[in-house]
Amino acid sequence: MALNDNQKIPYVVTSKSYTAVAINAAAKAGEWIKSRAGSAVKTTTKFSAQDLVTEVDKGAEQMIRRLILTHFPDHAILGEEGVEPGAEASAKALEAAREEEYLWIVDPVDGTTNFVHGFPFFSVSIALAHRGEVIVGVIYDPIRDELFVAEKGKGAYVHGDRMKVSREESLSDSLVAIGFPPDPEFALPANMSVAKALAPKVRNLRAGGSAALHLAYVAAGRLSAYTEIGLNPWDIAAGALLVQESGGTVTDTQGNPYHLAVRYVAASNGQIHEELIRTLTEENATGVN
């Protein structure tokens, strides 16, 4: 049990809470995913040759769905593996679900390509939105056994300890993550523009291949910022709450407030956010024409 540094009161997850269900689902799915790591798995493609899916993704999502619906049978679930590939299908699926009072947003394996290649940087991401606002975010890294948890208004935690964003005040002192979604037609050149814009301005760039973990690392102060063009709701929702509850800032690449339909994300410790957005804008690297 960790103490809230501001209020000095215990942070407790009750056994029947939304957060407890999210933690349980992420942990059990993560344990199963880890047990399959390194073994031969059947791999197919979705949107492009770079957009991989395995039976592990599908099995983990089914497991998460069962665990959530056991406790909350009337809640809706938006999961990556239940949506057709492509930005248009993602937008339609979110539009169809956003009127739900409670909507769980699930990415069973964020970083499938890493998982397939044995690169140990992938995670389970689970968020819960109430009337369109994310109120719970859980990201679990099964390889490192790191559980990142946030509740709206209650802070964000890893290993039960309160997280805080980093303190860098300029891009030149910052370690910034970027990414390359599996869309060679639009997202690849757009994110190459992001890399070109930021590389001369920052201490260094990283591209780990898991949007959820990049956001969790911003929340934990391990990264100063993260930005990527061409994501989906399940890539961002849980991590966005982690960053916000750790004192950071999350917007789109033009600086507009984050909401579930944002696909071009910029997350930072807050102190460098204005400079980050200004740099992307000046270098025509927001992804918006």
Protein backbone atom coordinates (compact mmCIF):
# COMPACT_ATOMS: atom_id res chain seq x y z
CA MET A 1 0.00 0.00 0.00
CA ALA A 2 1.45 3.36 -1.03
CA LEU A 3 0.91 6.79 0.46
CA ASN A 4 -0.41 9.68 -1.56
CA ASP A 5 2.39 12.28 -1.26
CA ASN A 6 -0.04 15.18 -1.35
CA GLN A 7 -2.71 13.92 1.03
CA LYS A 8 -0.67 11.52 3.14
CA ILE A 9 -3.45 8.94 3.18
CA PRO A 10 -3.31 5.30 2.11
CA TYR A 11 -4.06 4.48 -1.51
CA VAL A 12 -6.33 1.43 -1.46
CA VAL A 13 -7.85 -0.56 -4.32
CA THR A 14 -11.01 -2.25 -3.08
CA SER A 15 -11.68 -5.77 -4.29
CA LYS A 16 -14.89 -4.90 -6.17
CA SER A 17 -13.78 -1.64 -7.75
CA TYR A 18 -13.41 -0.97 -11.46
CA THR A 19 -9.69 -0.57 -10.90
CA ALA A 20 -9.38 -3.94 -9.18
CA VAL A 21 -11.08 -5.65 -12.12
CA ALA A 22 -8.79 -3.87 -14.58
CA ILE A 23 -5.71 -4.87 -12.58
CA ASN A 24 -6.85 -8.48 -12.32
CA ALA A 25 -7.62 -8.70 -16.04
CA ALA A 26 -4.32 -7.10 -17.06
CA ALA A 27 -2.29 -9.27 -14.69
CA LYS A 28 -3.90 -12.56 -15.72
CA ALA A 29 -3.67 -11.76 -19.42
CA GLY A 30 -0.08 -10.60 -18.96
CA GLU A 31 0.90 -13.81 -17.19
CA TRP A 32 -0.55 -15.85 -20.05
CA ILE A 33 1.14 -13.69 -22.69
CA LYS A 34 4.47 -14.07 -20.91
CA SER A 35 4.04 -17.85 -20.85
CA ARG A 36 3.77 -17.79 -24.64
CA ALA A 37 6.76 -15.51 -25.18
CA GLY A 38 9.56 -17.24 -27.05
CA SER A 39 7.31 -19.99 -28.39
CA ALA A 40 6.20 -20.34 -31.99
CA VAL A 41 2.95 -18.45 -32.52
CA LYS A 42 0.75 -18.22 -35.60
CA THR A 43 1.12 -14.76 -37.12
CA THR A 44 -1.12 -13.06 -39.68
CA THR A 45 -1.30 -9.50 -40.99
CA LYS A 46 -4.11 -6.96 -40.83
CA PHE A 47 -3.84 -3.46 -42.31
CA SER A 48 -0.38 -3.90 -43.81
CA ALA A 49 2.58 -6.28 -43.85
CA GLN A 50 3.81 -4.47 -40.74
CA ASP A 51 0.50 -4.80 -38.87
CA LEU A 52 0.76 -8.17 -37.14
CA VAL A 53 -1.74 -10.15 -35.11
CA THR A 54 -1.27 -13.49 -33.35
CA GLU A 55 -3.47 -16.00 -31.60
CA VAL A 56 -1.95 -14.59 -28.40
CA ASP A 57 -3.49 -11.16 -29.10
CA LYS A 58 -6.87 -12.77 -29.76
CA GLY A 59 -6.69 -15.12 -26.79
CA ALA A 60 -5.63 -12.38 -24.40
CA GLU A 61 -8.47 -10.11 -25.50
CA GLN A 62 -11.01 -12.92 -25.06
CA MET A 63 -9.64 -13.53 -21.56
CA ILE A 64 -9.89 -9.83 -20.67
CA ARG A 65 -13.42 -9.60 -22.05
CA ARG A 66 -14.58 -12.58 -19.98
CA LEU A 67 -13.06 -11.22 -16.79
CA ILE A 68 -14.62 -7.77 -17.26
CA LEU A 69 -18.06 -9.02 -18.26
CA THR A 70 -18.15 -11.43 -15.32
CA HIS A 71 -18.21 -8.41 -13.01
CA PHE A 72 -19.89 -5.83 -15.26
CA PRO A 73 -22.10 -7.64 -17.81
CA ASP A 74 -23.82 -4.41 -18.88
CA HIS A 75 -20.61 -2.57 -19.76
CA ALA A 76 -19.39 -2.13 -23.34
CA ILE A 77 -15.92 -3.14 -24.53
CA LEU A 78 -13.91 -1.64 -27.38
CA GLY A 79 -10.99 -3.97 -28.07
CA GLU A 80 -8.38 -3.82 -30.80
CA GLU A 81 -8.99 -7.37 -32.00
CA GLY A 82 -12.72 -6.77 -32.33
CA VAL A 83 -12.28 -3.89 -34.79
CA GLU A 84 -11.43 -4.08 -38.47
CA PRO A 85 -8.00 -2.64 -39.31
CA GLY A 86 -7.54 0.92 -40.51
CA ALA A 87 -8.22 4.42 -39.25
CA GLU A 88 -11.73 4.62 -40.69
CA ALA A 89 -12.85 1.40 -39.01
CA SER A 90 -11.34 2.52 -35.73
CA ALA A 91 -13.18 5.84 -35.87
CA LYS A 92 -16.48 4.11 -36.69
CA ALA A 93 -16.07 1.63 -33.83
CA LEU A 94 -15.39 4.43 -31.36
CA GLU A 95 -18.33 6.48 -32.65
CA ALA A 96 -20.63 3.48 -32.24
CA ALA A 97 -19.46 2.90 -28.67
CA ARG A 98 -18.93 6.39 -27.31
CA GLU A 99 -22.55 6.83 -26.17
CA GLU A 100 -22.12 3.90 -23.76
CA GLU A 101 -22.17 4.95 -20.11
CA TYR A 102 -19.24 2.65 -19.29
CA LEU A 103 -16.79 1.72 -22.04
CA TRP A 104 -13.74 -0.47 -21.49
CA ILE A 105 -10.96 0.18 -24.02
CA VAL A 106 -8.56 -2.74 -24.41
CA ASP A 107 -5.30 -3.43 -26.20
CA PRO A 108 -4.40 -7.03 -25.26
CA VAL A 109 -0.83 -6.84 -26.60
CA ASP A 110 0.43 -3.33 -27.28
CA GLY A 111 3.63 -4.03 -29.15
CA THR A 112 2.72 -7.20 -31.05
CA THR A 113 5.66 -6.86 -33.44
CA ASN A 114 8.01 -6.72 -30.46
CA PHE A 115 6.33 -9.79 -28.97
CA VAL A 116 6.67 -11.74 -32.21
CA HIS A 117 10.36 -10.91 -32.51
CA GLY A 118 11.17 -11.54 -28.85
CA PHE A 119 11.93 -7.88 -28.18
CA PRO A 120 10.86 -7.46 -24.54
CA PHE A 121 8.88 -4.22 -24.78
CA PHE A 122 5.14 -4.88 -24.92
CA SER A 123 2.22 -4.53 -22.56
CA VAL A 124 -1.44 -5.04 -21.76
CA SER A 125 -3.44 -1.80 -21.76
CA ILE A 126 -6.91 -1.47 -20.22
CA ALA A 127 -8.88 1.75 -19.69
CA LEU A 128 -12.40 2.49 -18.50
CA ALA A 129 -14.27 5.54 -19.74
CA HIS A 130 -17.41 6.88 -18.07
CA ARG A 131 -19.51 8.97 -20.45
CA GLY A 132 -16.47 9.53 -22.64
CA GLU A 133 -14.02 10.45 -19.87
CA VAL A 134 -11.29 7.99 -18.91
CA ILE A 135 -11.53 7.23 -15.19
CA VAL A 136 -9.28 4.16 -14.88
CA GLY A 137 -6.07 3.30 -16.67
CA VAL A 138 -3.98 0.16 -16.18
CA ILE A 139 -0.88 -0.85 -18.14
CA TYR A 140 0.95 -4.06 -17.30
CA ASP A 141 4.42 -4.98 -18.55
CA PRO A 142 4.60 -8.76 -17.99
CA ILE A 143 8.32 -9.05 -18.78
CA ARG A 144 9.35 -6.58 -16.06
CA ASP A 145 6.31 -7.33 -13.88
CA GLU A 146 5.55 -3.62 -13.73
CA LEU A 147 1.96 -2.55 -13.10
CA PHE A 148 1.06 1.07 -13.83
CA VAL A 149 -2.29 2.15 -12.36
CA ALA A 150 -4.22 5.43 -12.42
CA GLU A 151 -7.63 6.48 -11.16
CA LYS A 152 -9.14 9.82 -12.11
CA GLY A 153 -8.38 12.30 -9.32
CA LYS A 154 -6.41 9.78 -7.25
CA GLY A 155 -2.97 9.86 -8.85
CA ALA A 156 -0.94 7.25 -10.71
CA TYR A 157 1.22 4.49 -9.28
CA VAL A 158 3.80 1.89 -10.24
CA HIS A 159 4.74 -0.89 -7.81
CA GLY A 160 2.28 0.88 -5.49
CA ASP A 161 4.45 4.02 -5.40
CA ARG A 162 3.17 7.41 -6.54
CA MET A 163 4.50 8.45 -9.95
CA LYS A 164 5.60 11.94 -10.96
CA VAL A 165 6.65 13.22 -14.36
CA SER A 166 10.21 14.36 -15.01
CA ARG A 167 11.48 17.89 -14.41
CA GLU A 168 13.19 18.81 -17.67
CA GLU A 169 12.40 22.38 -18.70
CA SER A 170 13.62 22.33 -22.30
CA LEU A 171 13.66 19.94 -25.24
CA SER A 172 17.44 20.12 -25.33
CA ASP A 173 17.58 18.35 -21.95
CA SER A 174 14.85 15.85 -22.81
CA LEU A 175 14.65 12.19 -23.73
CA VAL A 176 11.69 11.88 -26.10
CA ALA A 177 9.97 8.82 -27.54
CA ILE A 178 8.41 8.57 -30.98
CA GLY A 179 6.80 5.72 -32.88
CA PHE A 180 6.01 4.23 -36.27
CA PRO A 181 2.52 2.70 -36.60
CA PRO A 182 2.02 0.00 -39.25
CA ASP A 183 0.75 2.35 -41.95
CA PRO A 184 3.37 2.82 -44.68
CA GLU A 185 1.25 5.23 -46.73
CA PHE A 186 0.50 7.98 -44.19
CA ALA A 187 1.80 7.25 -40.69
CA LEU A 188 5.33 6.27 -41.70
CA PRO A 189 6.20 9.48 -43.60
CA ALA A 190 4.33 11.58 -41.02
CA ASN A 191 6.33 10.12 -38.15
CA MET A 192 9.56 10.38 -40.10
CA SER A 193 8.80 14.11 -40.23
CA VAL A 194 8.37 14.07 -36.44
CA ALA A 195 11.76 12.38 -36.04
CA LYS A 196 13.41 14.88 -38.36
CA ALA A 197 11.83 17.80 -36.50
CA LEU A 198 12.76 16.63 -33.01
CA ALA A 199 16.14 14.95 -33.46
CA PRO A 200 18.16 18.20 -33.60
CA LYS A 201 16.23 19.70 -30.67
CA VAL A 202 16.28 16.95 -28.02
CA ARG A 203 18.90 15.13 -25.99
CA ASN A 204 17.95 11.91 -27.78
CA LEU A 205 15.07 10.02 -29.32
CA ARG A 206 13.73 6.55 -28.54
CA ALA A 207 11.26 4.37 -30.46
CA GLY A 208 10.40 1.33 -28.36
CA GLY A 209 7.34 0.16 -30.27
CA SER A 210 4.67 0.26 -27.55
CA ALA A 211 2.59 3.43 -27.29
CA ALA A 212 1.15 2.34 -23.94
CA LEU A 213 4.57 1.79 -22.37
CA HIS A 214 5.89 5.04 -23.80
CA LEU A 215 3.03 6.87 -22.09
CA ALA A 216 3.60 4.95 -18.86
CA TYR A 217 7.27 5.92 -19.00
CA VAL A 218 6.38 9.60 -19.40
CA ALA A 219 4.16 9.25 -16.32
CA ALA A 220 6.99 7.57 -14.39
CA GLY A 221 9.51 10.28 -15.32
CA ARG A 222 11.62 7.94 -17.45
CA LEU A 223 10.80 9.87 -20.62
CA SER A 224 10.32 13.62 -20.88
CA ALA A 225 7.78 13.33 -23.69
CA TYR A 226 6.25 11.05 -26.30
CA THR A 227 4.56 11.89 -29.58
CA GLU A 228 3.19 9.75 -32.39
CA ILE A 229 0.85 10.16 -35.36
CA GLY A 230 -1.68 7.52 -36.42
CA LEU A 231 -2.68 5.75 -33.21
CA ASN A 232 -6.00 4.32 -32.02
CA PRO A 233 -8.05 4.80 -28.84
CA TRP A 234 -6.79 1.56 -27.29
CA ASP A 235 -3.17 2.66 -27.79
CA ILE A 236 -3.61 5.88 -25.83
CA ALA A 237 -6.53 5.84 -23.37
CA ALA A 238 -4.95 4.17 -20.33
CA GLY A 239 -1.58 5.86 -20.77
CA ALA A 240 -3.09 9.31 -21.20
CA LEU A 241 -4.70 9.06 -17.76
CA LEU A 242 -1.41 7.85 -16.26
CA VAL A 243 0.39 10.92 -17.61
CA GLN A 244 -2.31 13.34 -16.49
CA GLU A 245 -2.51 11.84 -12.99
CA SER A 246 1.29 12.06 -12.69
CA GLY A 247 1.24 15.81 -13.33
CA GLY A 248 1.91 15.75 -17.06
CA THR A 249 0.09 17.08 -20.11
CA VAL A 250 -1.61 15.17 -22.95
CA THR A 251 -2.93 16.85 -26.10
CA ASP A 252 -3.09 16.23 -29.80
CA THR A 253 -0.10 17.32 -31.88
CA GLN A 254 -1.63 20.78 -32.32
CA GLY A 255 -2.03 21.32 -28.60
CA ASN A 256 -5.77 20.67 -28.36
CA PRO A 257 -7.04 18.79 -25.27
CA TYR A 258 -6.95 14.99 -25.34
CA HIS A 259 -10.17 13.04 -25.91
CA LEU A 260 -10.87 9.47 -26.97
CA ALA A 261 -10.89 10.26 -30.71
CA VAL A 262 -7.36 11.76 -30.67
CA ARG A 263 -5.07 9.78 -32.98
CA TYR A 264 -2.11 12.21 -33.14
CA VAL A 265 -0.87 12.37 -29.56
CA ALA A 266 1.65 14.49 -27.69
CA ALA A 267 2.35 13.73 -24.04
CA SER A 268 4.95 15.37 -21.84
CA ASN A 269 5.94 16.41 -18.35
CA GLY A 270 4.06 19.65 -19.01
CA GLN A 271 7.07 21.91 -18.70
CA ILE A 272 8.32 21.23 -22.22
CA HIS A 273 4.90 20.83 -23.81
CA GLU A 274 4.64 24.27 -25.36
CA GLU A 275 8.08 23.93 -26.92
CA LEU A 276 7.23 20.43 -28.17
CA ILE A 277 4.01 21.58 -29.88
CA ARG A 278 5.71 24.69 -31.28
CA THR A 279 8.49 22.58 -32.79
CA LEU A 280 6.06 20.14 -34.41
CA THR A 281 4.01 23.04 -35.77
CA GLU A 282 6.97 25.03 -37.13
CA GLU A 283 8.38 21.94 -38.85
CA ASN A 284 5.00 20.89 -40.33
CA ALA A 285 5.19 17.66 -38.34
CA THR A 286 1.76 17.60 -36.66
CA GLY A 287 0.30 15.16 -39.18
CA VAL A 288 -2.40 17.74 -40.01
CA ASN A 289 -2.32 19.39 -43.42
